[in-house]
C-alpha atoms as a PDB file:
ATOM      1  CA  MET A   1     -23.622 -11.573  -2.855  1.00  0.00           C
ATOM      2  CA  GLU A   2     -22.877 -12.284   0.569  1.00  0.00           C
ATOM      3  CA  LEU A   3     -25.189 -10.545   2.536  1.00  0.00           C
ATOM      4  CA  CYS A   4     -24.668  -9.210   6.159  1.00  0.00           C
ATOM      5  CA  HIS A   5     -25.619  -7.375   9.240  1.00  0.00           C
ATOM      6  CA  SER A   6     -24.245  -4.243  10.934  1.00  0.00           C
ATOM      7  CA  ASN A   7     -23.086  -6.426  14.338  1.00  0.00           C
ATOM      8  CA  GLN A   8     -21.140  -9.130  11.477  1.00  0.00           C
ATOM      9  CA  LEU A   9     -18.980  -5.816  10.208  1.00  0.00           C
ATOM     10  CA  LYS A  10     -15.394  -7.087  11.690  1.00  0.00           C
ATOM     11  CA  ILE A  11     -12.021  -5.430  11.765  1.00  0.00           C
ATOM     12  CA  GLY A  12     -10.927  -5.960   7.370  1.00  0.00           C
ATOM     13  CA  LEU A  13     -13.786  -7.294   6.600  1.00  0.00           C
ATOM     14  CA  LYS A  14     -14.582  -5.693   2.574  1.00  0.00           C
ATOM     15  CA  ILE A  15     -17.975  -4.914   1.827  1.00  0.00           C
ATOM     16  CA  ILE A  16     -20.146  -2.621  -0.400  1.00  0.00           C
ATOM     17  CA  TYR A  17     -21.061   1.210   0.170  1.00  0.00           C
ATOM     18  CA  ASN A  18     -21.896   3.514  -1.587  1.00  0.00           C
ATOM     19  CA  ASN A  19     -21.706   1.649  -4.775  1.00  0.00           C
ATOM     20  CA  GLU A  20     -17.563   0.970  -4.191  1.00  0.00           C
ATOM     21  CA  PRO A  21     -15.932  -1.061  -2.417  1.00  0.00           C
ATOM     22  CA  CYS A  22     -15.028  -0.698   1.554  1.00  0.00           C
ATOM     23  CA  ILE A  23     -12.571  -2.003   4.056  1.00  0.00           C
ATOM     24  CA  VAL A  24     -13.712  -2.300   8.167  1.00  0.00           C
ATOM     25  CA  VAL A  25     -11.504  -0.320  10.322  1.00  0.00           C
ATOM     26  CA  SER A  26     -13.492  -0.219  13.547  1.00  0.00           C
ATOM     27  CA  ASN A  27     -16.572  -1.252  14.146  1.00  0.00           C
ATOM     28  CA  GLU A  28     -18.307  -0.072  17.785  1.00  0.00           C
ATOM     29  CA  PHE A  29     -21.030  -0.860  19.372  1.00  0.00           C
ATOM     30  CA  ILE A  30     -23.337   2.223  20.818  1.00  0.00           C
ATOM     31  CA  LYS A  31     -26.103   0.822  23.515  1.00  0.00           C
ATOM     32  CA  PRO A  32     -27.113   4.128  25.345  1.00  0.00           C
ATOM     33  CA  GLY A  33     -29.247   5.417  27.756  1.00  0.00           C
ATOM     34  CA  LYS A  34     -31.902   6.361  26.101  1.00  0.00           C
ATOM     35  CA  GLY A  35     -32.655   5.374  22.229  1.00  0.00           C
ATOM     36  CA  GLN A  36     -31.290   2.148  20.037  1.00  0.00           C
ATOM     37  CA  ALA A  37     -28.321   0.905  20.463  1.00  0.00           C
ATOM     38  CA  PHE A  38     -26.650   1.715  16.923  1.00  0.00           C
ATOM     39  CA  PHE A  39     -23.352   0.616  15.391  1.00  0.00           C
ATOM     40  CA  ARG A  40     -19.990   3.520  15.348  1.00  0.00           C
ATOM     41  CA  VAL A  41     -18.456   1.878  11.829  1.00  0.00           C
ATOM     42  CA  ARG A  42     -15.317   3.808  10.086  1.00  0.00           C
ATOM     43  CA  LEU A  43     -14.264   1.976   6.573  1.00  0.00           C
ATOM     44  CA  LYS A  44     -11.684   3.775   4.213  1.00  0.00           C
ATOM     45  CA  ASN A  45     -12.783   3.462   0.333  1.00  0.00           C
ATOM     46  CA  LEU A  46     -10.211   1.097  -1.310  1.00  0.00           C
ATOM     47  CA  LEU A  47     -10.553   3.101  -5.162  1.00  0.00           C
ATOM     48  CA  ASN A  48      -9.989   6.614  -2.908  1.00  0.00           C
ATOM     49  CA  LYS A  49      -8.575   6.265   0.255  1.00  0.00           C
ATOM     50  CA  LYS A  50     -11.362   8.636   2.033  1.00  0.00           C
ATOM     51  CA  LEU A  51     -12.236   7.570   5.483  1.00  0.00           C
ATOM     52  CA  ILE A  52     -16.049   6.512   5.777  1.00  0.00           C
ATOM     53  CA  ASP A  53     -17.944   7.675   8.926  1.00  0.00           C
ATOM     54  CA  LYS A  54     -21.154   5.644   9.318  1.00  0.00           C
ATOM     55  CA  THR A  55     -23.954   5.332  11.943  1.00  0.00           C
ATOM     56  CA  CYS A  56     -25.691   1.735  11.548  1.00  0.00           C
ATOM     57  CA  LYS A  57     -28.601  -0.596  12.372  1.00  0.00           C
ATOM     58  CA  TYR A  58     -28.899  -3.457  14.139  1.00  0.00           C
ATOM     59  CA  SER A  59     -30.629  -4.164  10.969  1.00  0.00           C
ATOM     60  CA  ASP A  60     -28.685  -2.524   8.210  1.00  0.00           C
ATOM     61  CA  CYS A  61     -27.271  -4.665   6.348  1.00  0.00           C
ATOM     62  CA  PHE A  62     -24.068  -4.362   3.443  1.00  0.00           C
ATOM     63  CA  LYS A  63     -22.547  -6.931   0.974  1.00  0.00           C
ATOM     64  CA  ILE A  64     -19.694  -8.205   0.718  1.00  0.00           C
ATOM     65  CA  ALA A  65     -17.805  -7.085  -1.664  1.00  0.00           C
ATOM     66  CA  ASN A  66     -15.673  -9.281  -4.625  1.00  0.00           C
ATOM     67  CA  VAL A  67     -12.337  -7.832  -3.680  1.00  0.00           C
ATOM     68  CA  ILE A  68      -9.267 -10.679  -4.225  1.00  0.00           C
ATOM     69  CA  GLU A  69      -5.410  -9.649  -3.551  1.00  0.00           C
ATOM     70  CA  ILE A  70      -3.007 -11.725  -5.856  1.00  0.00           C
ATOM     71  CA  THR A  71       0.565 -12.327  -5.937  1.00  0.00           C
ATOM     72  CA  ALA A  72       1.815 -10.825  -9.264  1.00  0.00           C
ATOM     73  CA  THR A  73       5.601 -10.292 -10.428  1.00  0.00           C
ATOM     74  CA  TYR A  74       6.445  -7.424 -12.550  1.00  0.00           C
ATOM     75  CA  MET A  75       7.777  -8.069 -15.445  1.00  0.00           C
ATOM     76  CA  PHE A  76       7.697  -4.425 -17.997  1.00  0.00           C
ATOM     77  CA  THR A  77       6.457  -1.006 -19.424  1.00  0.00           C
ATOM     78  CA  ASP A  78       5.782   0.855 -21.871  1.00  0.00           C
ATOM     79  CA  LYS A  79       5.246   4.002 -20.145  1.00  0.00           C
ATOM     80  CA  LYS A  80       0.902   4.647 -20.352  1.00  0.00           C
ATOM     81  CA  VAL A  81       0.467   1.537 -18.739  1.00  0.00           C
ATOM     82  CA  TRP A  82       2.889  -1.706 -15.912  1.00  0.00           C
ATOM     83  CA  THR A  83       2.581  -4.925 -17.235  1.00  0.00           C
ATOM     84  CA  PHE A  84       2.917  -8.034 -14.391  1.00  0.00           C
ATOM     85  CA  MET A  85       2.518 -11.476 -14.235  1.00  0.00           C
ATOM     86  CA  ASP A  86      -0.143 -13.689 -11.987  1.00  0.00           C
ATOM     87  CA  LYS A  87       2.320 -16.017 -10.163  1.00  0.00           C
ATOM     88  CA  LYS A  88       0.029 -18.424 -10.125  1.00  0.00           C
ATOM     89  CA  SER A  89      -1.988 -18.220 -12.959  1.00  0.00           C
ATOM     90  CA  PHE A  90       0.232 -16.753 -15.891  1.00  0.00           C
ATOM     91  CA  GLU A  91      -2.363 -14.496 -16.742  1.00  0.00           C
ATOM     92  CA  GLN A  92      -1.522 -11.188 -17.920  1.00  0.00           C
ATOM     93  CA  ILE A  93      -2.136  -7.355 -15.624  1.00  0.00           C
ATOM     94  CA  PHE A  94      -2.017  -4.524 -16.783  1.00  0.00           C
ATOM     95  CA  VAL A  95      -1.927  -1.718 -13.908  1.00  0.00           C
ATOM     96  CA  GLU A  96      -3.127   1.981 -14.832  1.00  0.00           C
ATOM     97  CA  LYS A  97      -0.270   4.693 -13.327  1.00  0.00           C
ATOM     98  CA  ASN A  98      -3.268   6.349 -11.621  1.00  0.00           C
ATOM     99  CA  ILE A  99      -3.055   3.077  -9.409  1.00  0.00           C
ATOM    100  CA  ILE A 100       0.587   1.716  -9.357  1.00  0.00           C
ATOM    101  CA  LYS A 101       1.863   6.008  -8.785  1.00  0.00           C
ATOM    102  CA  ASN A 102       2.144   4.879  -4.817  1.00  0.00           C
ATOM    103  CA  VAL A 103       4.365   2.065  -5.244  1.00  0.00           C
ATOM    104  CA  LEU A 104       6.758   3.779  -8.181  1.00  0.00           C
ATOM    105  CA  PRO A 105       9.898   4.536  -6.511  1.00  0.00           C
ATOM    106  CA  TRP A 106      10.188   1.102  -5.166  1.00  0.00           C
ATOM    107  CA  LEU A 107       9.129  -0.450  -8.412  1.00  0.00           C
ATOM    108  CA  LEU A 108      11.781  -3.304  -9.881  1.00  0.00           C
ATOM    109  CA  GLU A 109      11.326  -5.505 -12.803  1.00  0.00           C
ATOM    110  CA  GLN A 110      11.008  -9.197 -11.832  1.00  0.00           C
ATOM    111  CA  HIS A 111      10.236  -7.958  -8.416  1.00  0.00           C
ATOM    112  CA  ASP A 112       6.966  -9.456  -6.738  1.00  0.00           C
ATOM    113  CA  TYR A 113       3.737  -7.333  -5.204  1.00  0.00           C
ATOM    114  CA  ILE A 114       0.492  -7.627  -4.195  1.00  0.00           C
ATOM    115  CA  ILE A 115      -2.967  -6.841  -6.030  1.00  0.00           C
ATOM    116  CA  SER A 116      -5.559  -6.342  -4.960  1.00  0.00           C
ATOM    117  CA  LEU A 117      -8.512  -5.940  -7.677  1.00  0.00           C
ATOM    118  CA  TRP A 118     -12.178  -5.734  -7.220  1.00  0.00           C
ATOM    119  CA  ASN A 119     -14.803  -7.190 -10.532  1.00  0.00           C
ATOM    120  CA  ASP A 120     -11.851  -8.522 -12.323  1.00  0.00           C
ATOM    121  CA  GLN A 121      -9.547  -4.895 -12.347  1.00  0.00           C
ATOM    122  CA  PRO A 122      -6.795  -3.246 -10.128  1.00  0.00           C
ATOM    123  CA  ILE A 123      -7.812  -1.353  -7.698  1.00  0.00           C
ATOM    124  CA  SER A 124      -4.843  -1.082  -5.693  1.00  0.00           C
ATOM    125  CA  ILE A 125      -0.829  -2.565  -4.912  1.00  0.00           C
ATOM    126  CA  VAL A 126       1.683  -2.580  -2.753  1.00  0.00           C
ATOM    127  CA  TYR A 127       5.144  -4.075  -2.453  1.00  0.00           C
ATOM    128  CA  SER A 128       5.436  -7.576  -1.048  1.00  0.00           C
ATOM    129  CA  SER A 129       7.223  -6.774   1.732  1.00  0.00           C
ATOM    130  CA  ASN A 130       7.750  -4.187   3.810  1.00  0.00           C
ATOM    131  CA  PHE A 131      11.221  -3.485   3.216  1.00  0.00           C
ATOM    132  CA  ILE A 132      13.864  -3.973  -0.177  1.00  0.00           C
ATOM    133  CA  GLU A 133      17.227  -3.324  -1.045  1.00  0.00           C
ATOM    134  CA  LEU A 134      18.260  -0.989  -3.411  1.00  0.00           C
ATOM    135  CA  ILE A 135      21.853   0.880  -4.778  1.00  0.00           C
ATOM    136  CA  VAL A 136      22.728   3.330  -4.040  1.00  0.00           C
ATOM    137  CA  VAL A 137      23.957   5.164  -7.536  1.00  0.00           C
ATOM    138  CA  ASN A 138      24.876   9.162  -6.080  1.00  0.00           C
ATOM    139  CA  THR A 139      26.095  10.343  -3.570  1.00  0.00           C
ATOM    140  CA  ILE A 140      27.949  13.284  -1.753  1.00  0.00           C
ATOM    141  CA  PRO A 141      31.321  11.958  -0.430  1.00  0.00           C
ATOM    142  CA  ASN A 142      32.020  11.181   3.611  1.00  0.00           C
ATOM    143  CA  ALA A 143      32.469  15.024   4.021  1.00  0.00           C
ATOM    144  CA  ARG A 144      30.856  16.660   6.307  1.00  0.00           C
ATOM    145  CA  SER A 145      29.299  19.617   5.277  1.00  0.00           C
ATOM    146  CA  GLY A 146      29.881  21.854   7.626  1.00  0.00           C
ATOM    147  CA  ALA A 147      26.688  21.769  10.400  1.00  0.00           C
ATOM    148  CA  ILE A 148      27.986  20.482  13.708  1.00  0.00           C
ATOM    149  CA  ASN A 149      24.775  17.440  13.792  1.00  0.00           C
ATOM    150  CA  THR A 150      25.131  16.334   9.797  1.00  0.00           C
ATOM    151  CA  TYR A 151      24.703  12.441  10.614  1.00  0.00           C
ATOM    152  CA  SER A 152      22.834  11.999   7.492  1.00  0.00           C
ATOM    153  CA  LYS A 153      22.673  12.917   3.708  1.00  0.00           C
ATOM    154  CA  LEU A 154      21.089  12.253   0.535  1.00  0.00           C
ATOM    155  CA  ALA A 155      21.013   9.383  -0.755  1.00  0.00           C
ATOM    156  CA  LEU A 156      19.516   8.634  -5.115  1.00  0.00           C
ATOM    157  CA  LEU A 157      19.653   5.088  -4.983  1.00  0.00           C
ATOM    158  CA  ASN A 158      18.999   2.903  -8.096  1.00  0.00           C
ATOM    159  CA  THR A 159      14.657   3.085  -8.565  1.00  0.00           C
ATOM    160  CA  GLY A 160      15.127   7.123  -8.839  1.00  0.00           C
ATOM    161  CA  VAL A 161      14.180   7.915  -5.738  1.00  0.00           C
ATOM    162  CA  THR A 162      16.397  10.144  -3.113  1.00  0.00           C
ATOM    163  CA  ILE A 163      17.078   9.365   0.708  1.00  0.00           C
ATOM    164  CA  LYS A 164      18.249  10.148   3.748  1.00  0.00           C
ATOM    165  CA  VAL A 165      21.254   7.409   5.060  1.00  0.00           C
ATOM    166  CA  PRO A 166      23.924   7.573   7.413  1.00  0.00           C
ATOM    167  CA  ILE A 167      26.808   9.669   6.267  1.00  0.00           C
ATOM    168  CA  PHE A 168      29.016   7.151   6.049  1.00  0.00           C
ATOM    169  CA  ILE A 169      26.465   5.108   3.281  1.00  0.00           C
ATOM    170  CA  GLN A 170      29.225   4.713  -0.602  1.00  0.00           C
ATOM    171  CA  ILE A 171      27.886   4.538  -4.100  1.00  0.00           C
ATOM    172  CA  GLY A 172      27.249   0.575  -5.364  1.00  0.00           C
ATOM    173  CA  GLN A 173      26.859  -0.133  -1.255  1.00  0.00           C
ATOM    174  CA  ILE A 174      22.927  -2.214  -0.962  1.00  0.00           C
ATOM    175  CA  ILE A 175      21.178  -1.000   1.591  1.00  0.00           C
ATOM    176  CA  LYS A 176      17.486  -2.163   3.346  1.00  0.00           C
ATOM    177  CA  VAL A 177      14.773   0.630   2.507  1.00  0.00           C
ATOM    178  CA  ASP A 178      11.513   1.004   4.577  1.00  0.00           C
ATOM    179  CA  THR A 179       9.001   1.071   2.092  1.00  0.00           C
ATOM    180  CA  ARG A 180       6.051   2.453   3.917  1.00  0.00           C
ATOM    181  CA  THR A 181       7.615   5.026   5.442  1.00  0.00           C
ATOM    182  CA  SER A 182      10.433   5.313   2.561  1.00  0.00           C
ATOM    183  CA  GLU A 183      13.344   5.040   5.025  1.00  0.00           C
ATOM    184  CA  TYR A 184      17.090   4.199   5.551  1.00  0.00           C
ATOM    185  CA  ILE A 185      16.851   0.780   7.715  1.00  0.00           C
ATOM    186  CA  SER A 186      20.781  -0.883   7.637  1.00  0.00           C
ATOM    187  CA  LYS A 187      23.346  -1.330   4.790  1.00  0.00           C
ATOM    188  CA  ILE A 188      23.604  -4.783   3.366  1.00  0.00           C
ATOM    189  CA  SER A 189      26.958  -4.567   1.928  1.00  0.00           C
END
């Protein structure tokens, strides 16, 4: 396994810290007036998403994590495990609910997702794009609810998620949604 020193920790590098994969969020060199120089490193644990602040000496070494990202197509679920197919090797990848829960509102068959693997096990999954096009399956008609400044209403989308949309959106229309914030972006048709 490859090693790197504290001064080689670049933003985005994936390392092993406390036997878990982490990504470097920031690395700041500190040279105090008195004493030895050091690095203030902020890591994000890839398994539990917690932030870790660590002070390191120049001589501290870290193992580089073998975390790879693959693009896979969602195929089906059997209620306990979600099955994806790697787009390059055509191998099936099985993802459990605790890993997939953040992307469940945007899960559509035959759509692509990016899966992070550590030791050949899925540790995270994200939609391959920041935006997704979904169909409005239910919403209230174009009527103001009596409030003076009502410019939005709730709409149920074909994945089962409910978001706020402008009052002109109707049932059956396709809209673009930001998968990071769950916000309406635009009307497609």
